[in-house]
Amino acid sequence: MTRVEVEYCVPCGMANRAVDVSHAILTQFGESIAEAALVTGDDGIFVVRVDGTVVFDLSEDAYDVDAIVRAVRPHVSS
């Protein structure tokens, strides 16, 4: 099953964003994913990976929870 990982910068105070994204992913995909993990990081990181593949990187994309969920969708089996 699919594993989603949200790595976020702790010193930057991005925990709330990480929780919001994880909540949206769990709400949308429920039992279709095996795990939605929060991974602590630093240096401004905010990256969402699905089975190791980066689907969102804050350094390249604008933060938008709905867009992140849409980016995860093609990687999740129904």
C-alpha atoms as a PDB file:
ATOM      1  CA  MET A   1       0.000   0.000   0.000  1.00  0.00           C
ATOM      2  CA  THR A   2       0.937   3.614  -0.446  1.00  0.00           C
ATOM      3  CA  ARG A   3       3.061   5.507   2.085  1.00  0.00           C
ATOM      4  CA  VAL A   4       2.819   9.299   2.167  1.00  0.00           C
ATOM      5  CA  GLU A   5       5.530  11.264   3.953  1.00  0.00           C
ATOM      6  CA  VAL A   6       5.377  14.950   4.848  1.00  0.00           C
ATOM      7  CA  GLU A   7       8.809  16.269   5.797  1.00  0.00           C
ATOM      8  CA  TYR A   8       8.724  19.714   7.362  1.00  0.00           C
ATOM      9  CA  CYS A   9      11.074  22.258   8.935  1.00  0.00           C
ATOM     10  CA  VAL A  10      10.683  22.274  12.712  1.00  0.00           C
ATOM     11  CA  PRO A  11      12.680  25.496  13.384  1.00  0.00           C
ATOM     12  CA  CYS A  12      10.614  27.301  10.719  1.00  0.00           C
ATOM     13  CA  GLY A  13       7.356  26.493  12.518  1.00  0.00           C
ATOM     14  CA  MET A  14       5.854  24.434   9.697  1.00  0.00           C
ATOM     15  CA  ALA A  15       4.308  21.792  11.955  1.00  0.00           C
ATOM     16  CA  ASN A  16       0.778  23.177  11.528  1.00  0.00           C
ATOM     17  CA  ARG A  17       1.083  23.062   7.742  1.00  0.00           C
ATOM     18  CA  ALA A  18       2.377  19.486   7.911  1.00  0.00           C
ATOM     19  CA  VAL A  19      -0.546  18.454  10.117  1.00  0.00           C
ATOM     20  CA  ASP A  20      -3.024  20.193   7.785  1.00  0.00           C
ATOM     21  CA  VAL A  21      -1.621  18.379   4.745  1.00  0.00           C
ATOM     22  CA  SER A  22      -1.580  15.013   6.521  1.00  0.00           C
ATOM     23  CA  HIS A  23      -5.155  15.524   7.712  1.00  0.00           C
ATOM     24  CA  ALA A  24      -6.330  16.416   4.199  1.00  0.00           C
ATOM     25  CA  ILE A  25      -4.593  13.356   2.738  1.00  0.00           C
ATOM     26  CA  LEU A  26      -6.056  11.034   5.367  1.00  0.00           C
ATOM     27  CA  THR A  27      -9.514  12.543   4.915  1.00  0.00           C
ATOM     28  CA  GLN A  28      -9.355  12.188   1.141  1.00  0.00           C
ATOM     29  CA  PHE A  29      -7.773   8.747   0.838  1.00  0.00           C
ATOM     30  CA  GLY A  30      -8.645   7.087   4.157  1.00  0.00           C
ATOM     31  CA  GLU A  31      -7.954   3.381   4.013  1.00  0.00           C
ATOM     32  CA  SER A  32      -6.446   3.560   0.512  1.00  0.00           C
ATOM     33  CA  ILE A  33      -3.064   4.457   2.008  1.00  0.00           C
ATOM     34  CA  ALA A  34      -1.010   2.517   4.509  1.00  0.00           C
ATOM     35  CA  GLU A  35       0.537   5.493   6.249  1.00  0.00           C
ATOM     36  CA  ALA A  36       0.712   9.277   6.366  1.00  0.00           C
ATOM     37  CA  ALA A  37       3.924  10.050   8.211  1.00  0.00           C
ATOM     38  CA  LEU A  38       5.199  13.335   9.577  1.00  0.00           C
ATOM     39  CA  VAL A  39       8.989  13.590   9.331  1.00  0.00           C
ATOM     40  CA  THR A  40      10.871  16.345  11.110  1.00  0.00           C
ATOM     41  CA  GLY A  41      13.497  18.293   9.205  1.00  0.00           C
ATOM     42  CA  ASP A  42      15.229  21.651   9.043  1.00  0.00           C
ATOM     43  CA  ASP A  43      16.707  24.164   6.560  1.00  0.00           C
ATOM     44  CA  GLY A  44      13.259  25.301   5.382  1.00  0.00           C
ATOM     45  CA  ILE A  45      12.216  21.918   4.009  1.00  0.00           C
ATOM     46  CA  PHE A  46       8.596  21.147   3.254  1.00  0.00           C
ATOM     47  CA  VAL A  47       8.360  18.159   0.940  1.00  0.00           C
ATOM     48  CA  VAL A  48       5.625  15.590   0.340  1.00  0.00           C
ATOM     49  CA  ARG A  49       6.691  12.171  -0.935  1.00  0.00           C
ATOM     50  CA  VAL A  50       4.582   9.232  -2.037  1.00  0.00           C
ATOM     51  CA  ASP A  51       6.465   5.950  -1.844  1.00  0.00           C
ATOM     52  CA  GLY A  52       9.712   7.936  -2.039  1.00  0.00           C
ATOM     53  CA  THR A  53       8.708  10.065  -5.042  1.00  0.00           C
ATOM     54  CA  VAL A  54       8.537  13.824  -4.420  1.00  0.00           C
ATOM     55  CA  VAL A  55       5.098  15.146  -5.415  1.00  0.00           C
ATOM     56  CA  PHE A  56       5.407  18.554  -3.729  1.00  0.00           C
ATOM     57  CA  ASP A  57       8.379  20.718  -2.776  1.00  0.00           C
ATOM     58  CA  LEU A  58       7.778  24.133  -1.220  1.00  0.00           C
ATOM     59  CA  SER A  59      11.033  25.393  -2.746  1.00  0.00           C
ATOM     60  CA  GLU A  60       9.476  24.852  -6.208  1.00  0.00           C
ATOM     61  CA  ASP A  61       5.706  25.013  -5.668  1.00  0.00           C
ATOM     62  CA  ALA A  62       3.270  27.357  -3.926  1.00  0.00           C
ATOM     63  CA  TYR A  63       1.743  25.956  -0.740  1.00  0.00           C
ATOM     64  CA  ASP A  64      -1.808  24.821  -1.482  1.00  0.00           C
ATOM     65  CA  VAL A  65      -3.306  21.907   0.442  1.00  0.00           C
ATOM     66  CA  ASP A  66      -5.777  21.066  -2.331  1.00  0.00           C
ATOM     67  CA  ALA A  67      -3.007  21.048  -4.962  1.00  0.00           C
ATOM     68  CA  ILE A  68      -0.922  18.745  -2.765  1.00  0.00           C
ATOM     69  CA  VAL A  69      -3.843  16.315  -2.399  1.00  0.00           C
ATOM     70  CA  ARG A  70      -4.299  16.392  -6.196  1.00  0.00           C
ATOM     71  CA  ALA A  71      -0.579  15.624  -6.627  1.00  0.00           C
ATOM     72  CA  VAL A  72      -0.889  12.607  -4.318  1.00  0.00           C
ATOM     73  CA  ARG A  73      -4.032  11.218  -6.017  1.00  0.00           C
ATOM     74  CA  PRO A  74      -2.364   9.563  -9.082  1.00  0.00           C
ATOM     75  CA  HIS A  75      -0.149   7.528  -6.754  1.00  0.00           C
ATOM     76  CA  VAL A  76      -2.973   6.094  -4.644  1.00  0.00           C
ATOM     77  CA  SER A  77      -4.815   2.936  -5.632  1.00  0.00           C
ATOM     78  CA  SER A  78      -8.558   3.099  -5.211  1.00  0.00           C
END
